[in-house]
Amino acid sequence: MTVKDDEILAAAAEIVAAFGSHDPLRYFDGFAMDASFIFYSTPERLESRAAYETLWATWESENQFRVLGCNSTNHHVQTGEHFGIFTHDVETMIEMDGLIDTMRERETIVFEKRGIRWLAVHEHLSPRP
């Protein structure tokens, strides 16, 4: 494990912890403004952090969306000179429209070194078979 791997793991852990505690300000702070997102539950690719923030706010106001917890396992990091790819299995408990559900998914987060921080520039979520 390299220092770069450790830094990427720490950046990913911060995103996962913020998501799992339903802290959108802290969660979105881990993403670059030009980050893109692909979720199997949405019909279109989200082309920016602002687009995802808007969707999140809509879920909260229209569907009473709330993340109740998140568990990340099976971590893997691949790195290049200025980027890192973090993959993991994630189990998330959410509340939506008054119903509690547990989702089992796989996620890829691509990080880029921007200044002194590793920021997520892409997130891809898929159902875990």
N, C-alpha and C. Protein backbone atom coordinates (compact mmCIF):
# COMPACT_ATOMS: atom_id res chain seq x y z
N MET A 1 0.86 -1.18 0.00
CA MET A 1 0.00 0.00 0.00
C MET A 1 0.90 1.24 0.00
N THR A 2 0.63 2.17 -0.90
CA THR A 2 1.43 3.38 -1.01
C THR A 2 0.76 4.53 -0.26
N VAL A 3 1.48 5.62 -0.12
CA VAL A 3 0.91 6.83 0.49
C VAL A 3 -0.28 7.30 -0.34
N LYS A 4 -0.15 7.25 -1.66
CA LYS A 4 -1.25 7.66 -2.54
C LYS A 4 -2.48 6.78 -2.30
N ASP A 5 -2.27 5.47 -2.20
CA ASP A 5 -3.39 4.56 -1.91
C ASP A 5 -4.07 4.96 -0.61
N ASP A 6 -3.28 5.22 0.42
CA ASP A 6 -3.83 5.61 1.72
C ASP A 6 -4.63 6.91 1.62
N GLU A 7 -4.12 7.87 0.84
CA GLU A 7 -4.83 9.15 0.69
C GLU A 7 -6.16 8.95 -0.03
N ILE A 8 -6.17 8.11 -1.04
CA ILE A 8 -7.41 7.84 -1.77
C ILE A 8 -8.40 7.08 -0.89
N LEU A 9 -7.91 6.10 -0.15
CA LEU A 9 -8.78 5.39 0.79
C LEU A 9 -9.37 6.34 1.82
N ALA A 10 -8.58 7.30 2.31
CA ALA A 10 -9.08 8.27 3.29
C ALA A 10 -10.13 9.18 2.66
N ALA A 11 -9.91 9.63 1.42
CA ALA A 11 -10.90 10.48 0.74
C ALA A 11 -12.19 9.70 0.52
N ALA A 12 -12.08 8.44 0.13
CA ALA A 12 -13.27 7.60 -0.08
C ALA A 12 -13.99 7.36 1.24
N ALA A 13 -13.24 7.09 2.30
CA ALA A 13 -13.85 6.85 3.61
C ALA A 13 -14.63 8.07 4.08
N GLU A 14 -14.11 9.26 3.81
CA GLU A 14 -14.81 10.49 4.20
C GLU A 14 -16.13 10.62 3.44
N ILE A 15 -16.11 10.33 2.15
CA ILE A 15 -17.34 10.39 1.35
C ILE A 15 -18.36 9.37 1.88
N VAL A 16 -17.92 8.15 2.11
CA VAL A 16 -18.82 7.09 2.59
C VAL A 16 -19.39 7.45 3.97
N ALA A 17 -18.54 7.95 4.87
CA ALA A 17 -19.00 8.32 6.21
C ALA A 17 -20.03 9.45 6.15
N ALA A 18 -19.77 10.44 5.32
CA ALA A 18 -20.70 11.56 5.20
C ALA A 18 -22.03 11.10 4.60
N PHE A 19 -21.95 10.24 3.58
CA PHE A 19 -23.16 9.70 2.98
C PHE A 19 -23.95 8.89 4.01
N GLY A 20 -23.25 8.01 4.71
CA GLY A 20 -23.89 7.13 5.68
C GLY A 20 -24.53 7.84 6.85
N SER A 21 -24.07 9.05 7.13
CA SER A 21 -24.66 9.83 8.22
C SER A 21 -25.63 10.91 7.70
N HIS A 22 -25.98 10.80 6.42
CA HIS A 22 -26.89 11.74 5.77
C HIS A 22 -26.45 13.19 6.03
N ASP A 23 -25.21 13.46 5.64
CA ASP A 23 -24.62 14.79 5.78
C ASP A 23 -24.26 15.30 4.38
N PRO A 24 -25.26 15.81 3.64
CA PRO A 24 -25.01 16.17 2.24
C PRO A 24 -23.94 17.25 2.06
N LEU A 25 -23.82 18.19 2.96
CA LEU A 25 -22.79 19.22 2.80
C LEU A 25 -21.40 18.59 2.83
N ARG A 26 -21.16 17.74 3.80
CA ARG A 26 -19.87 17.06 3.91
C ARG A 26 -19.68 16.06 2.76
N TYR A 27 -20.73 15.38 2.41
CA TYR A 27 -20.68 14.40 1.31
C TYR A 27 -20.29 15.07 0.00
N PHE A 28 -21.00 16.10 -0.39
CA PHE A 28 -20.74 16.75 -1.67
C PHE A 28 -19.40 17.50 -1.68
N ASP A 29 -18.89 17.85 -0.52
CA ASP A 29 -17.58 18.50 -0.45
C ASP A 29 -16.47 17.60 -0.97
N GLY A 30 -16.68 16.30 -0.99
CA GLY A 30 -15.68 15.36 -1.49
C GLY A 30 -15.66 15.23 -3.00
N PHE A 31 -16.58 15.92 -3.69
CA PHE A 31 -16.69 15.83 -5.14
C PHE A 31 -16.31 17.15 -5.80
N ALA A 32 -15.64 17.06 -6.94
CA ALA A 32 -15.34 18.23 -7.74
C ALA A 32 -16.64 18.78 -8.32
N MET A 33 -16.66 20.06 -8.61
CA MET A 33 -17.87 20.66 -9.18
C MET A 33 -18.22 20.05 -10.54
N ASP A 34 -17.20 19.61 -11.29
CA ASP A 34 -17.44 19.03 -12.61
C ASP A 34 -17.55 17.50 -12.58
N ALA A 35 -17.77 16.94 -11.41
CA ALA A 35 -17.92 15.48 -11.29
C ALA A 35 -19.16 15.02 -12.05
N SER A 36 -19.10 13.79 -12.54
CA SER A 36 -20.26 13.18 -13.19
C SER A 36 -20.68 11.94 -12.40
N PHE A 37 -21.92 11.54 -12.59
CA PHE A 37 -22.49 10.45 -11.79
C PHE A 37 -23.36 9.57 -12.67
N ILE A 38 -23.20 8.26 -12.54
CA ILE A 38 -24.07 7.31 -13.22
C ILE A 38 -24.66 6.39 -12.16
N PHE A 39 -25.98 6.47 -12.03
CA PHE A 39 -26.72 5.64 -11.08
C PHE A 39 -27.73 4.81 -11.87
N TYR A 40 -27.83 3.54 -11.56
CA TYR A 40 -28.78 2.68 -12.25
C TYR A 40 -30.22 3.06 -11.96
N SER A 41 -30.44 3.84 -10.92
CA SER A 41 -31.81 4.23 -10.54
C SER A 41 -32.26 5.53 -11.19
N THR A 42 -31.39 6.17 -11.96
CA THR A 42 -31.78 7.40 -12.65
C THR A 42 -31.60 7.19 -14.16
N PRO A 43 -32.51 7.73 -14.96
CA PRO A 43 -32.45 7.46 -16.40
C PRO A 43 -31.30 8.16 -17.13
N GLU A 44 -30.77 9.24 -16.56
CA GLU A 44 -29.74 9.99 -17.26
C GLU A 44 -28.47 10.09 -16.41
N ARG A 45 -27.37 10.34 -17.11
CA ARG A 45 -26.11 10.63 -16.42
C ARG A 45 -26.21 12.03 -15.84
N LEU A 46 -25.76 12.21 -14.62
CA LEU A 46 -25.72 13.54 -14.02
C LEU A 46 -24.37 14.16 -14.36
N GLU A 47 -24.40 15.30 -14.99
CA GLU A 47 -23.19 15.89 -15.58
C GLU A 47 -22.42 16.82 -14.65
N SER A 48 -22.91 17.02 -13.43
CA SER A 48 -22.20 17.91 -12.51
C SER A 48 -22.61 17.61 -11.07
N ARG A 49 -21.80 18.09 -10.17
CA ARG A 49 -22.14 17.97 -8.75
C ARG A 49 -23.44 18.70 -8.47
N ALA A 50 -23.63 19.87 -9.08
CA ALA A 50 -24.85 20.65 -8.87
C ALA A 50 -26.09 19.86 -9.29
N ALA A 51 -25.99 19.11 -10.38
CA ALA A 51 -27.14 18.31 -10.83
C ALA A 51 -27.49 17.25 -9.78
N TYR A 52 -26.47 16.62 -9.18
CA TYR A 52 -26.73 15.62 -8.16
C TYR A 52 -27.25 16.27 -6.88
N GLU A 53 -26.71 17.41 -6.53
CA GLU A 53 -27.21 18.12 -5.34
C GLU A 53 -28.68 18.48 -5.50
N THR A 54 -29.07 18.89 -6.70
CA THR A 54 -30.47 19.21 -6.98
C THR A 54 -31.34 17.96 -6.86
N LEU A 55 -30.87 16.84 -7.42
CA LEU A 55 -31.61 15.59 -7.32
C LEU A 55 -31.76 15.16 -5.87
N TRP A 56 -30.68 15.24 -5.10
CA TRP A 56 -30.70 14.88 -3.68
C TRP A 56 -31.75 15.72 -2.94
N ALA A 57 -31.74 17.04 -3.17
CA ALA A 57 -32.69 17.94 -2.52
C ALA A 57 -34.13 17.60 -2.91
N THR A 58 -34.33 17.21 -4.17
CA THR A 58 -35.66 16.79 -4.62
C THR A 58 -36.10 15.53 -3.90
N TRP A 59 -35.20 14.56 -3.79
CA TRP A 59 -35.54 13.34 -3.06
C TRP A 59 -35.94 13.67 -1.62
N GLU A 60 -35.18 14.57 -0.99
CA GLU A 60 -35.49 14.94 0.40
C GLU A 60 -36.87 15.60 0.50
N SER A 61 -37.14 16.56 -0.37
CA SER A 61 -38.39 17.32 -0.25
C SER A 61 -39.61 16.55 -0.75
N GLU A 62 -39.46 15.76 -1.80
CA GLU A 62 -40.61 15.08 -2.37
C GLU A 62 -40.79 13.65 -1.87
N ASN A 63 -39.71 13.02 -1.43
CA ASN A 63 -39.79 11.60 -1.05
C ASN A 63 -39.34 11.33 0.38
N GLN A 64 -39.06 12.41 1.14
CA GLN A 64 -38.58 12.26 2.52
C GLN A 64 -37.37 11.32 2.58
N PHE A 65 -36.48 11.47 1.62
CA PHE A 65 -35.27 10.66 1.51
C PHE A 65 -34.34 10.90 2.69
N ARG A 66 -33.80 9.81 3.22
CA ARG A 66 -32.84 9.89 4.32
C ARG A 66 -31.96 8.64 4.28
N VAL A 67 -30.65 8.84 4.37
CA VAL A 67 -29.72 7.72 4.49
C VAL A 67 -29.64 7.37 5.97
N LEU A 68 -29.88 6.11 6.28
CA LEU A 68 -29.89 5.67 7.68
C LEU A 68 -28.58 4.99 8.07
N GLY A 69 -27.81 4.56 7.09
CA GLY A 69 -26.53 3.92 7.37
C GLY A 69 -25.90 3.39 6.11
N CYS A 70 -24.59 3.19 6.16
CA CYS A 70 -23.86 2.73 4.99
C CYS A 70 -22.65 1.92 5.44
N ASN A 71 -22.48 0.74 4.86
CA ASN A 71 -21.34 -0.11 5.21
C ASN A 71 -20.56 -0.42 3.94
N SER A 72 -19.27 -0.11 3.95
CA SER A 72 -18.39 -0.29 2.81
C SER A 72 -17.41 -1.43 3.08
N THR A 73 -17.31 -2.38 2.12
CA THR A 73 -16.39 -3.51 2.26
C THR A 73 -15.72 -3.78 0.91
N ASN A 74 -14.75 -4.69 0.95
CA ASN A 74 -14.09 -5.17 -0.26
C ASN A 74 -13.44 -4.02 -1.04
N HIS A 75 -12.68 -3.20 -0.36
CA HIS A 75 -12.03 -2.03 -0.96
C HIS A 75 -10.91 -2.43 -1.91
N HIS A 76 -10.79 -1.66 -2.99
CA HIS A 76 -9.69 -1.85 -3.93
C HIS A 76 -9.31 -0.49 -4.49
N VAL A 77 -8.01 -0.22 -4.60
CA VAL A 77 -7.53 1.05 -5.15
C VAL A 77 -6.57 0.76 -6.30
N GLN A 78 -6.75 1.47 -7.39
CA GLN A 78 -5.81 1.48 -8.50
C GLN A 78 -5.39 2.94 -8.69
N THR A 79 -4.12 3.16 -9.00
CA THR A 79 -3.67 4.54 -9.13
C THR A 79 -2.88 4.77 -10.41
N GLY A 80 -2.93 6.02 -10.84
CA GLY A 80 -2.09 6.53 -11.92
C GLY A 80 -1.38 7.74 -11.37
N GLU A 81 -0.75 8.50 -12.23
CA GLU A 81 0.05 9.63 -11.75
C GLU A 81 -0.79 10.66 -11.00
N HIS A 82 -1.95 11.02 -11.56
CA HIS A 82 -2.78 12.06 -10.94
C HIS A 82 -4.20 11.60 -10.66
N PHE A 83 -4.43 10.29 -10.70
CA PHE A 83 -5.78 9.79 -10.47
C PHE A 83 -5.74 8.52 -9.64
N GLY A 84 -6.88 8.21 -9.06
CA GLY A 84 -7.05 6.96 -8.33
C GLY A 84 -8.45 6.45 -8.55
N ILE A 85 -8.59 5.15 -8.62
CA ILE A 85 -9.89 4.51 -8.79
C ILE A 85 -10.15 3.66 -7.56
N PHE A 86 -11.24 3.97 -6.88
CA PHE A 86 -11.64 3.25 -5.68
C PHE A 86 -12.89 2.45 -6.00
N THR A 87 -12.85 1.15 -5.74
CA THR A 87 -14.04 0.32 -5.90
C THR A 87 -14.32 -0.38 -4.59
N HIS A 88 -15.62 -0.63 -4.35
CA HIS A 88 -16.02 -1.32 -3.13
C HIS A 88 -17.43 -1.86 -3.28
N ASP A 89 -17.77 -2.74 -2.35
CA ASP A 89 -19.15 -3.19 -2.19
C ASP A 89 -19.76 -2.31 -1.10
N VAL A 90 -20.99 -1.93 -1.30
CA VAL A 90 -21.62 -1.04 -0.34
C VAL A 90 -23.03 -1.54 -0.04
N GLU A 91 -23.37 -1.51 1.23
CA GLU A 91 -24.71 -1.85 1.69
C GLU A 91 -25.26 -0.62 2.38
N THR A 92 -26.36 -0.11 1.86
CA THR A 92 -26.91 1.15 2.34
C THR A 92 -28.36 0.96 2.78
N MET A 93 -28.68 1.51 3.93
CA MET A 93 -30.05 1.51 4.40
C MET A 93 -30.59 2.93 4.23
N ILE A 94 -31.70 3.03 3.50
CA ILE A 94 -32.31 4.34 3.27
C ILE A 94 -33.78 4.31 3.67
N GLU A 95 -34.30 5.50 3.87
CA GLU A 95 -35.75 5.67 4.01
C GLU A 95 -36.19 6.55 2.86
N MET A 96 -37.25 6.10 2.16
CA MET A 96 -37.79 6.83 1.02
C MET A 96 -39.29 6.62 1.02
N ASP A 97 -40.03 7.70 0.99
CA ASP A 97 -41.50 7.62 0.99
C ASP A 97 -42.02 6.82 2.17
N GLY A 98 -41.35 6.93 3.30
CA GLY A 98 -41.78 6.25 4.52
C GLY A 98 -41.41 4.79 4.60
N LEU A 99 -40.74 4.26 3.58
CA LEU A 99 -40.34 2.85 3.57
C LEU A 99 -38.83 2.75 3.78
N ILE A 100 -38.41 1.78 4.56
CA ILE A 100 -36.98 1.54 4.78
C ILE A 100 -36.55 0.39 3.89
N ASP A 101 -35.42 0.59 3.22
CA ASP A 101 -34.92 -0.41 2.29
C ASP A 101 -33.41 -0.53 2.45
N THR A 102 -32.90 -1.72 2.22
CA THR A 102 -31.46 -1.94 2.21
C THR A 102 -31.03 -2.28 0.80
N MET A 103 -30.06 -1.54 0.30
CA MET A 103 -29.56 -1.74 -1.06
C MET A 103 -28.16 -2.32 -0.99
N ARG A 104 -27.90 -3.30 -1.83
CA ARG A 104 -26.58 -3.92 -1.93
C ARG A 104 -26.04 -3.60 -3.32
N GLU A 105 -24.94 -2.84 -3.34
CA GLU A 105 -24.45 -2.32 -4.61
C GLU A 105 -22.93 -2.42 -4.70
N ARG A 106 -22.44 -2.19 -5.91
CA ARG A 106 -21.01 -2.01 -6.15
C ARG A 106 -20.83 -0.58 -6.64
N GLU A 107 -19.72 0.00 -6.24
CA GLU A 107 -19.51 1.40 -6.59
C GLU A 107 -18.06 1.61 -7.02
N THR A 108 -17.90 2.46 -8.01
CA THR A 108 -16.59 2.93 -8.45
C THR A 108 -16.56 4.43 -8.29
N ILE A 109 -15.53 4.94 -7.64
CA ILE A 109 -15.34 6.38 -7.52
C ILE A 109 -13.95 6.69 -8.08
N VAL A 110 -13.90 7.59 -9.04
CA VAL A 110 -12.64 8.02 -9.64
C VAL A 110 -12.23 9.33 -8.97
N PHE A 111 -11.01 9.36 -8.47
CA PHE A 111 -10.47 10.54 -7.80
C PHE A 111 -9.37 11.17 -8.66
N GLU A 112 -9.29 12.49 -8.57
CA GLU A 112 -8.22 13.22 -9.24
C GLU A 112 -7.56 14.14 -8.21
N LYS A 113 -6.25 14.23 -8.26
CA LYS A 113 -5.53 15.13 -7.35
C LYS A 113 -5.72 16.55 -7.86
N ARG A 114 -6.34 17.37 -7.05
CA ARG A 114 -6.56 18.78 -7.39
C ARG A 114 -6.01 19.62 -6.25
N GLY A 115 -4.90 20.25 -6.51
CA GLY A 115 -4.22 20.98 -5.44
C GLY A 115 -3.69 19.97 -4.44
N ILE A 116 -4.07 20.14 -3.19
CA ILE A 116 -3.60 19.23 -2.15
C ILE A 116 -4.62 18.14 -1.83
N ARG A 117 -5.79 18.17 -2.49
CA ARG A 117 -6.87 17.23 -2.18
C ARG A 117 -7.11 16.24 -3.29
N TRP A 118 -7.53 15.05 -2.90
CA TRP A 118 -8.08 14.08 -3.84
C TRP A 118 -9.58 14.30 -3.87
N LEU A 119 -10.11 14.74 -5.01
CA LEU A 119 -11.54 14.97 -5.17
C LEU A 119 -12.13 13.93 -6.11
N ALA A 120 -13.32 13.48 -5.80
CA ALA A 120 -14.02 12.55 -6.67
C ALA A 120 -14.49 13.30 -7.91
N VAL A 121 -14.19 12.73 -9.08
CA VAL A 121 -14.60 13.35 -10.35
C VAL A 121 -15.62 12.50 -11.09
N HIS A 122 -15.81 11.26 -10.63
CA HIS A 122 -16.84 10.40 -11.23
C HIS A 122 -17.25 9.33 -10.23
N GLU A 123 -18.55 9.06 -10.21
CA GLU A 123 -19.08 7.98 -9.38
C GLU A 123 -20.01 7.13 -10.25
N HIS A 124 -19.84 5.82 -10.13
CA HIS A 124 -20.70 4.89 -10.88
C HIS A 124 -21.20 3.84 -9.90
N LEU A 125 -22.51 3.68 -9.84
CA LEU A 125 -23.14 2.76 -8.92
C LEU A 125 -23.93 1.72 -9.70
N SER A 126 -23.80 0.46 -9.31
CA SER A 126 -24.56 -0.60 -9.96
C SER A 126 -25.04 -1.58 -8.90
N PRO A 127 -26.12 -2.31 -9.19
CA PRO A 127 -26.60 -3.29 -8.23
C PRO A 127 -25.58 -4.42 -8.09
N ARG A 128 -25.46 -4.94 -6.89
CA ARG A 128 -24.54 -6.07 -6.66
C ARG A 128 -25.31 -7.35 -6.94
N PRO A 129 -24.76 -8.20 -7.81
CA PRO A 129 -25.47 -9.45 -8.13
C PRO A 129 -25.53 -10.37 -6.93
